[in-house]
Amino acid sequence: MTKVIFYRADGVYYGFEEQGHTGFAESGNDILCSALSAMTMLIINTIEVTYATNVEYTIDDETTDIKVMAHSILPEYNGDEKKRYAVSGLIEGYYYQLSDMIEDYYDYLDVEVTDEFK
């Protein structure tokens, strides 16, 4: 099962962690894992290139764990409110997308939100 934890501070989504392999199918044939990977890379590239915003990420090839953090959008680091809401909205949209996917993949995917600062 893949567990995705989204990080939020004062209503601003600024990052997430994905832990574990979905186990939906064997490696290389797992469409759920492929979907998560594609969406994650879309988010990283959009934040980094399209929004020209610093995003820190790590991808562990052995465990498939991924950590994506855009601390720079938090109010204490960035005064650009439009950029903050654009990046936060992108990450929040990912949360809602995964929450919808749980209906079909509840045995393979778990999603939560925390206000714990990471």
Protein backbone atom coordinates (compact mmCIF):
# COMPACT_ATOMS: atom_id res chain seq x y z
CA MET A 1 0.00 0.00 0.00
CA THR A 2 1.12 3.54 -0.73
CA LYS A 3 0.47 6.07 1.98
CA VAL A 4 0.49 9.74 0.97
CA ILE A 5 0.72 12.37 3.70
CA PHE A 6 0.02 15.97 2.69
CA TYR A 7 1.49 18.81 4.72
CA ARG A 8 -0.46 21.99 5.33
CA ALA A 9 0.21 25.13 7.39
CA ASP A 10 -2.51 27.71 7.99
CA GLY A 11 -4.52 26.26 5.11
CA VAL A 12 -1.55 26.32 2.68
CA TYR A 13 -0.59 22.93 1.22
CA TYR A 14 3.19 23.00 0.86
CA GLY A 15 4.29 19.38 0.45
CA PHE A 16 3.65 15.67 0.63
CA GLU A 17 5.34 12.31 1.19
CA GLU A 18 4.58 9.06 -0.59
CA GLN A 19 5.62 5.90 1.23
CA GLY A 20 5.57 2.32 0.01
CA HIS A 21 4.64 0.53 -3.18
CA THR A 22 0.95 0.23 -4.03
CA GLY A 23 1.11 -3.52 -4.62
CA PHE A 24 -1.67 -3.28 -7.21
CA ALA A 25 0.42 -5.31 -9.68
CA GLU A 26 4.00 -6.44 -10.20
CA SER A 27 6.64 -3.78 -10.68
CA GLY A 28 6.55 -2.56 -14.26
CA ASN A 29 2.86 -3.42 -14.67
CA ASP A 30 1.41 -1.45 -11.76
CA ILE A 31 -0.85 1.19 -13.33
CA LEU A 32 -1.62 2.77 -9.97
CA CYS A 33 2.05 3.25 -9.16
CA SER A 34 2.61 4.65 -12.66
CA ALA A 35 -0.25 7.12 -12.21
CA LEU A 36 1.13 8.32 -8.87
CA SER A 37 4.62 8.71 -10.35
CA ALA A 38 3.34 10.67 -13.35
CA MET A 39 1.22 13.00 -11.21
CA THR A 40 4.08 13.55 -8.76
CA MET A 41 6.52 14.49 -11.52
CA LEU A 42 3.92 16.82 -13.05
CA ILE A 43 3.62 18.61 -9.71
CA ILE A 44 7.40 18.85 -9.21
CA ASN A 45 7.98 20.18 -12.73
CA THR A 46 5.08 22.63 -12.56
CA ILE A 47 6.26 24.09 -9.25
CA GLU A 48 9.92 24.23 -10.27
CA VAL A 49 9.66 25.31 -13.92
CA THR A 50 6.26 26.86 -14.58
CA TYR A 51 5.97 28.70 -11.26
CA ALA A 52 9.76 29.24 -10.90
CA THR A 53 9.54 28.26 -7.26
CA ASN A 54 12.02 26.33 -5.15
CA VAL A 55 10.87 22.79 -4.48
CA GLU A 56 12.92 20.24 -2.60
CA TYR A 57 12.32 16.61 -3.43
CA THR A 58 13.88 13.22 -2.85
CA ILE A 59 13.07 10.01 -4.66
CA ASP A 60 14.37 6.77 -3.17
CA ASP A 61 14.60 4.28 -6.03
CA GLU A 62 14.90 1.30 -3.70
CA THR A 63 11.92 1.99 -1.43
CA THR A 64 9.93 4.12 -3.93
CA ASP A 65 9.47 6.70 -1.15
CA ILE A 66 9.10 10.28 -2.39
CA LYS A 67 9.20 13.53 -0.44
CA VAL A 68 8.21 16.85 -2.04
CA MET A 69 8.42 20.10 -0.06
CA ALA A 70 7.88 23.68 -1.23
CA HIS A 71 8.58 25.52 2.03
CA SER A 72 9.37 28.62 0.01
CA ILE A 73 5.66 29.26 -0.63
CA LEU A 74 4.82 29.61 3.05
CA PRO A 75 4.01 33.19 4.09
CA GLU A 76 7.07 33.46 6.35
CA TYR A 77 9.35 32.74 3.36
CA ASN A 78 7.58 34.34 0.41
CA GLY A 79 5.53 37.48 0.04
CA ASP A 80 4.19 36.46 -3.39
CA GLU A 81 0.61 35.60 -2.52
CA LYS A 82 -0.37 34.61 -6.08
CA LYS A 83 2.49 32.14 -6.32
CA ARG A 84 1.67 30.77 -2.86
CA TYR A 85 -1.95 30.06 -3.80
CA ALA A 86 -1.01 28.64 -7.21
CA VAL A 87 1.46 26.13 -5.75
CA SER A 88 -0.75 25.32 -2.77
CA GLY A 89 -3.73 24.83 -5.09
CA LEU A 90 -1.74 22.44 -7.25
CA ILE A 91 -0.77 20.32 -4.24
CA GLU A 92 -4.28 20.48 -2.80
CA GLY A 93 -5.66 19.39 -6.19
CA TYR A 94 -3.40 16.33 -6.00
CA TYR A 95 -4.83 15.56 -2.56
CA TYR A 96 -8.40 15.66 -3.93
CA GLN A 97 -7.43 13.55 -6.96
CA LEU A 98 -5.96 10.85 -4.74
CA SER A 99 -8.93 11.05 -2.37
CA ASP A 100 -11.21 10.30 -5.34
CA MET A 101 -9.01 7.41 -6.42
CA ILE A 102 -9.36 5.77 -3.00
CA GLU A 103 -12.92 4.77 -3.95
CA ASP A 104 -11.51 2.30 -6.49
CA TYR A 105 -8.12 1.55 -4.91
CA TYR A 106 -8.81 1.54 -1.15
CA ASP A 107 -6.72 -1.60 -0.65
CA TYR A 108 -3.69 0.01 -2.28
CA LEU A 109 -3.80 3.70 -1.39
CA ASP A 110 -4.18 5.73 1.80
CA VAL A 111 -4.24 9.54 1.99
CA GLU A 112 -4.13 11.92 4.94
CA VAL A 113 -3.49 15.59 5.69
CA THR A 114 -1.50 16.87 8.63
CA ASP A 115 -0.90 20.34 9.95
CA GLU A 116 2.37 19.16 11.53
CA PHE A 117 5.23 21.25 10.19
CA LYS A 118 7.87 19.17 8.42
